[in-house]
């Protein structure tokens, strides 16, 4: 599924007239997961023709959100392990 969303993102970016090198970098290097590609597609469908600067800003914001989500999940797993140790001991 992620490959399909990435391909769709690339296609939409190219159709909007952005340089192919930029489209390729965004779709395949940075927005190559289901979560990030879907978020970027949502942005592109809401905003008709963002400037390149705005497009890159949105990409960075999406990546930042993803990183925060990953950190939160890691912290939750670590806390669950600590709680398990408190409950059952080592």
N, C-alpha and C. Protein backbone atom coordinates (compact mmCIF):
# COMPACT_ATOMS: atom_id res chain seq x y z
N UNK A 1 0.82 -1.20 0.00
CA UNK A 1 0.00 0.00 0.00
C UNK A 1 0.86 1.26 0.00
N UNK A 2 1.97 1.25 0.76
CA UNK A 2 2.82 2.44 0.81
C UNK A 2 3.38 2.77 -0.55
N UNK A 3 3.69 1.76 -1.32
CA UNK A 3 4.21 2.00 -2.67
C UNK A 3 3.16 2.68 -3.53
N UNK A 4 1.90 2.26 -3.40
CA UNK A 4 0.82 2.89 -4.16
C UNK A 4 0.65 4.35 -3.79
N UNK A 5 0.68 4.65 -2.49
CA UNK A 5 0.52 6.03 -2.04
C UNK A 5 1.71 6.89 -2.48
N UNK A 6 2.89 6.32 -2.43
CA UNK A 6 4.09 7.04 -2.86
C UNK A 6 4.01 7.33 -4.35
N UNK A 7 3.58 6.34 -5.13
CA UNK A 7 3.42 6.54 -6.58
C UNK A 7 2.36 7.61 -6.86
N UNK A 8 1.26 7.56 -6.11
CA UNK A 8 0.21 8.57 -6.29
C UNK A 8 0.73 9.96 -5.96
N UNK A 9 1.49 10.06 -4.88
CA UNK A 9 2.06 11.35 -4.51
C UNK A 9 2.98 11.87 -5.60
N UNK A 10 3.85 11.01 -6.11
CA UNK A 10 4.75 11.42 -7.19
C UNK A 10 3.95 11.91 -8.39
N UNK A 11 2.95 11.14 -8.78
CA UNK A 11 2.12 11.49 -9.95
C UNK A 11 1.42 12.84 -9.75
N UNK A 12 0.85 13.06 -8.58
CA UNK A 12 0.15 14.32 -8.30
C UNK A 12 1.13 15.49 -8.34
N UNK A 13 2.30 15.31 -7.76
CA UNK A 13 3.30 16.38 -7.77
C UNK A 13 3.72 16.73 -9.20
N UNK A 14 3.96 15.72 -10.02
CA UNK A 14 4.36 15.96 -11.41
C UNK A 14 3.23 16.64 -12.17
N UNK A 15 1.99 16.17 -11.95
CA UNK A 15 0.84 16.79 -12.63
C UNK A 15 0.66 18.24 -12.24
N UNK A 16 1.06 18.58 -11.03
CA UNK A 16 0.94 19.98 -10.58
C UNK A 16 2.05 20.86 -11.14
N UNK A 17 3.00 20.26 -11.85
CA UNK A 17 4.01 21.05 -12.53
C UNK A 17 5.30 21.28 -11.77
N UNK A 18 5.51 20.55 -10.69
CA UNK A 18 6.77 20.71 -9.95
C UNK A 18 7.88 19.97 -10.70
N UNK A 19 9.13 20.42 -10.53
CA UNK A 19 10.25 19.75 -11.21
C UNK A 19 10.32 18.27 -10.82
N UNK A 20 10.59 17.43 -11.80
CA UNK A 20 10.59 15.98 -11.57
C UNK A 20 11.60 15.56 -10.50
N UNK A 21 12.75 16.22 -10.47
CA UNK A 21 13.75 15.88 -9.45
C UNK A 21 13.20 16.14 -8.05
N UNK A 22 12.53 17.27 -7.88
CA UNK A 22 11.92 17.61 -6.59
C UNK A 22 10.82 16.61 -6.25
N UNK A 23 9.99 16.27 -7.22
CA UNK A 23 8.90 15.31 -7.01
C UNK A 23 9.46 13.96 -6.57
N UNK A 24 10.50 13.53 -7.22
CA UNK A 24 11.12 12.25 -6.90
C UNK A 24 11.70 12.27 -5.48
N UNK A 25 12.39 13.33 -5.15
CA UNK A 25 12.99 13.44 -3.80
C UNK A 25 11.91 13.44 -2.73
N UNK A 26 10.86 14.23 -2.94
CA UNK A 26 9.79 14.30 -1.94
C UNK A 26 9.11 12.94 -1.80
N UNK A 27 8.69 12.36 -2.92
CA UNK A 27 7.89 11.13 -2.86
C UNK A 27 8.71 9.92 -2.43
N UNK A 28 9.89 9.75 -2.97
CA UNK A 28 10.63 8.51 -2.75
C UNK A 28 11.67 8.58 -1.64
N UNK A 29 12.18 9.77 -1.36
CA UNK A 29 13.21 9.88 -0.31
C UNK A 29 12.62 10.28 1.04
N UNK A 30 11.59 11.14 1.05
CA UNK A 30 11.10 11.67 2.31
C UNK A 30 9.69 11.21 2.67
N UNK A 31 8.78 11.19 1.73
CA UNK A 31 7.39 10.85 2.01
C UNK A 31 7.08 9.44 1.52
N UNK A 32 7.91 8.49 1.89
CA UNK A 32 7.82 7.14 1.34
C UNK A 32 7.11 6.15 2.25
N UNK A 33 6.33 6.63 3.20
CA UNK A 33 5.51 5.76 4.02
C UNK A 33 4.05 6.11 3.78
N UNK A 34 3.18 5.18 4.14
CA UNK A 34 1.74 5.43 3.98
C UNK A 34 1.32 6.69 4.72
N UNK A 35 1.79 6.82 5.95
CA UNK A 35 1.40 7.96 6.79
C UNK A 35 1.82 9.28 6.16
N UNK A 36 3.09 9.39 5.78
CA UNK A 36 3.58 10.67 5.27
C UNK A 36 3.01 10.98 3.88
N UNK A 37 2.92 9.96 3.02
CA UNK A 37 2.38 10.19 1.67
C UNK A 37 0.91 10.61 1.74
N UNK A 38 0.15 9.96 2.61
CA UNK A 38 -1.26 10.31 2.75
C UNK A 38 -1.43 11.71 3.28
N UNK A 39 -0.62 12.08 4.25
CA UNK A 39 -0.69 13.45 4.79
C UNK A 39 -0.37 14.48 3.72
N UNK A 40 0.68 14.21 2.92
CA UNK A 40 1.06 15.17 1.88
C UNK A 40 -0.02 15.23 0.80
N UNK A 41 -0.60 14.11 0.44
CA UNK A 41 -1.68 14.10 -0.55
C UNK A 41 -2.87 14.92 -0.05
N UNK A 42 -3.18 14.77 1.22
CA UNK A 42 -4.27 15.56 1.80
C UNK A 42 -3.99 17.05 1.68
N UNK A 43 -2.77 17.43 1.95
CA UNK A 43 -2.38 18.84 1.80
C UNK A 43 -2.53 19.29 0.36
N UNK A 44 -2.06 18.48 -0.57
CA UNK A 44 -2.12 18.86 -1.98
C UNK A 44 -3.56 18.95 -2.49
N UNK A 45 -4.44 18.13 -1.95
CA UNK A 45 -5.84 18.19 -2.38
C UNK A 45 -6.57 19.37 -1.75
N UNK A 46 -6.10 19.84 -0.59
CA UNK A 46 -6.71 21.01 0.06
C UNK A 46 -6.19 22.32 -0.52
N UNK A 47 -4.91 22.36 -0.83
CA UNK A 47 -4.28 23.59 -1.32
C UNK A 47 -4.02 23.39 -2.81
N UNK A 48 -4.62 24.21 -3.65
CA UNK A 48 -4.60 23.94 -5.09
C UNK A 48 -3.22 24.03 -5.72
N UNK A 49 -2.48 25.07 -5.45
CA UNK A 49 -1.15 25.17 -6.09
C UNK A 49 -0.17 25.88 -5.16
N UNK A 50 0.33 25.16 -4.17
CA UNK A 50 1.28 25.80 -3.24
C UNK A 50 2.62 26.06 -3.94
N UNK A 51 3.28 27.11 -3.47
CA UNK A 51 4.63 27.40 -3.97
C UNK A 51 5.56 26.30 -3.47
N UNK A 52 6.69 26.16 -4.13
CA UNK A 52 7.67 25.13 -3.76
C UNK A 52 8.07 25.31 -2.29
N UNK A 53 8.28 26.52 -1.87
CA UNK A 53 8.67 26.80 -0.49
C UNK A 53 7.61 26.28 0.49
N UNK A 54 6.34 26.52 0.17
CA UNK A 54 5.25 26.06 1.04
C UNK A 54 5.14 24.54 1.02
N UNK A 55 5.37 23.95 -0.12
CA UNK A 55 5.34 22.50 -0.25
C UNK A 55 6.42 21.86 0.62
N UNK A 56 7.61 22.41 0.57
CA UNK A 56 8.72 21.88 1.37
C UNK A 56 8.46 22.13 2.86
N UNK A 57 7.90 23.28 3.22
CA UNK A 57 7.55 23.55 4.61
C UNK A 57 6.56 22.52 5.14
N UNK A 58 5.56 22.19 4.32
CA UNK A 58 4.57 21.19 4.74
C UNK A 58 5.23 19.82 4.89
N UNK A 59 6.12 19.49 3.98
CA UNK A 59 6.83 18.22 4.06
C UNK A 59 7.61 18.14 5.38
N UNK A 60 8.30 19.21 5.72
CA UNK A 60 9.08 19.23 6.96
C UNK A 60 8.18 19.13 8.19
N UNK A 61 7.01 19.77 8.13
CA UNK A 61 6.07 19.70 9.25
C UNK A 61 5.54 18.28 9.42
N UNK A 62 5.24 17.62 8.31
CA UNK A 62 4.75 16.24 8.36
C UNK A 62 5.83 15.32 8.93
N UNK A 63 7.06 15.50 8.49
CA UNK A 63 8.15 14.67 8.99
C UNK A 63 8.38 14.92 10.48
N UNK A 64 8.25 16.16 10.92
CA UNK A 64 8.40 16.49 12.33
C UNK A 64 7.30 15.81 13.15
N UNK A 65 6.06 15.86 12.65
CA UNK A 65 4.96 15.19 13.34
C UNK A 65 5.22 13.69 13.45
N UNK A 66 5.70 13.10 12.35
CA UNK A 66 5.99 11.67 12.36
C UNK A 66 7.07 11.34 13.39
N UNK A 67 8.12 12.15 13.45
CA UNK A 67 9.19 11.92 14.40
C UNK A 67 8.69 12.02 15.85
N UNK A 68 7.82 12.99 16.11
CA UNK A 68 7.26 13.13 17.45
C UNK A 68 6.39 11.93 17.81
N UNK A 69 5.64 11.42 16.85
CA UNK A 69 4.81 10.24 17.08
C UNK A 69 5.68 9.02 17.39
N UNK A 70 6.77 8.87 16.66
CA UNK A 70 7.69 7.75 16.90
C UNK A 70 8.30 7.86 18.30
N UNK A 71 8.72 9.06 18.68
CA UNK A 71 9.29 9.26 20.02
C UNK A 71 8.27 8.96 21.11
N UNK A 72 7.03 9.37 20.88
CA UNK A 72 5.98 9.11 21.87
C UNK A 72 5.78 7.61 22.03
N UNK A 73 5.71 6.88 20.92
CA UNK A 73 5.51 5.44 20.98
C UNK A 73 6.69 4.74 21.69
N UNK A 74 7.90 5.21 21.43
CA UNK A 74 9.08 4.64 22.11
C UNK A 74 9.01 4.89 23.61
N UNK A 75 8.61 6.09 23.99
CA UNK A 75 8.49 6.42 25.41
C UNK A 75 7.41 5.57 26.07
N UNK A 76 6.31 5.35 25.37
CA UNK A 76 5.24 4.52 25.92
C UNK A 76 5.70 3.08 26.12
N UNK A 77 6.47 2.55 25.17
CA UNK A 77 6.99 1.18 25.31
C UNK A 77 7.97 1.09 26.48
N UNK A 78 8.82 2.10 26.63
CA UNK A 78 9.78 2.11 27.73
C UNK A 78 9.05 2.19 29.06
N UNK A 79 8.03 3.04 29.13
CA UNK A 79 7.26 3.17 30.37
C UNK A 79 6.54 1.87 30.70
N UNK A 80 6.02 1.19 29.69
CA UNK A 80 5.35 -0.09 29.91
C UNK A 80 6.33 -1.12 30.47
N UNK A 81 7.57 -1.10 29.99
CA UNK A 81 8.59 -2.03 30.50
C UNK A 81 8.92 -1.71 31.96
N UNK A 82 9.04 -0.45 32.28
CA UNK A 82 9.31 -0.05 33.67
C UNK A 82 8.15 -0.46 34.56
N UNK A 83 6.93 -0.23 34.11
CA UNK A 83 5.76 -0.62 34.91
C UNK A 83 5.73 -2.12 35.14
N UNK A 84 6.10 -2.89 34.14
CA UNK A 84 6.15 -4.34 34.27
C UNK A 84 7.17 -4.75 35.34
N UNK A 85 8.30 -4.09 35.34
CA UNK A 85 9.34 -4.38 36.35
C UNK A 85 8.84 -4.04 37.75
N UNK A 86 8.15 -2.89 37.88
CA UNK A 86 7.60 -2.52 39.18
C UNK A 86 6.57 -3.53 39.68
N UNK A 87 5.74 -4.03 38.76
CA UNK A 87 4.71 -4.98 39.13
C UNK A 87 5.28 -6.35 39.49
N UNK A 88 6.19 -6.83 38.64
CA UNK A 88 6.65 -8.21 38.78
C UNK A 88 8.09 -8.35 39.26
N UNK A 89 8.79 -7.27 39.38
CA UNK A 89 10.20 -7.33 39.77
C UNK A 89 11.06 -7.79 38.62
N UNK A 90 12.35 -7.84 38.90
CA UNK A 90 13.29 -8.28 37.86
C UNK A 90 13.24 -9.76 37.79
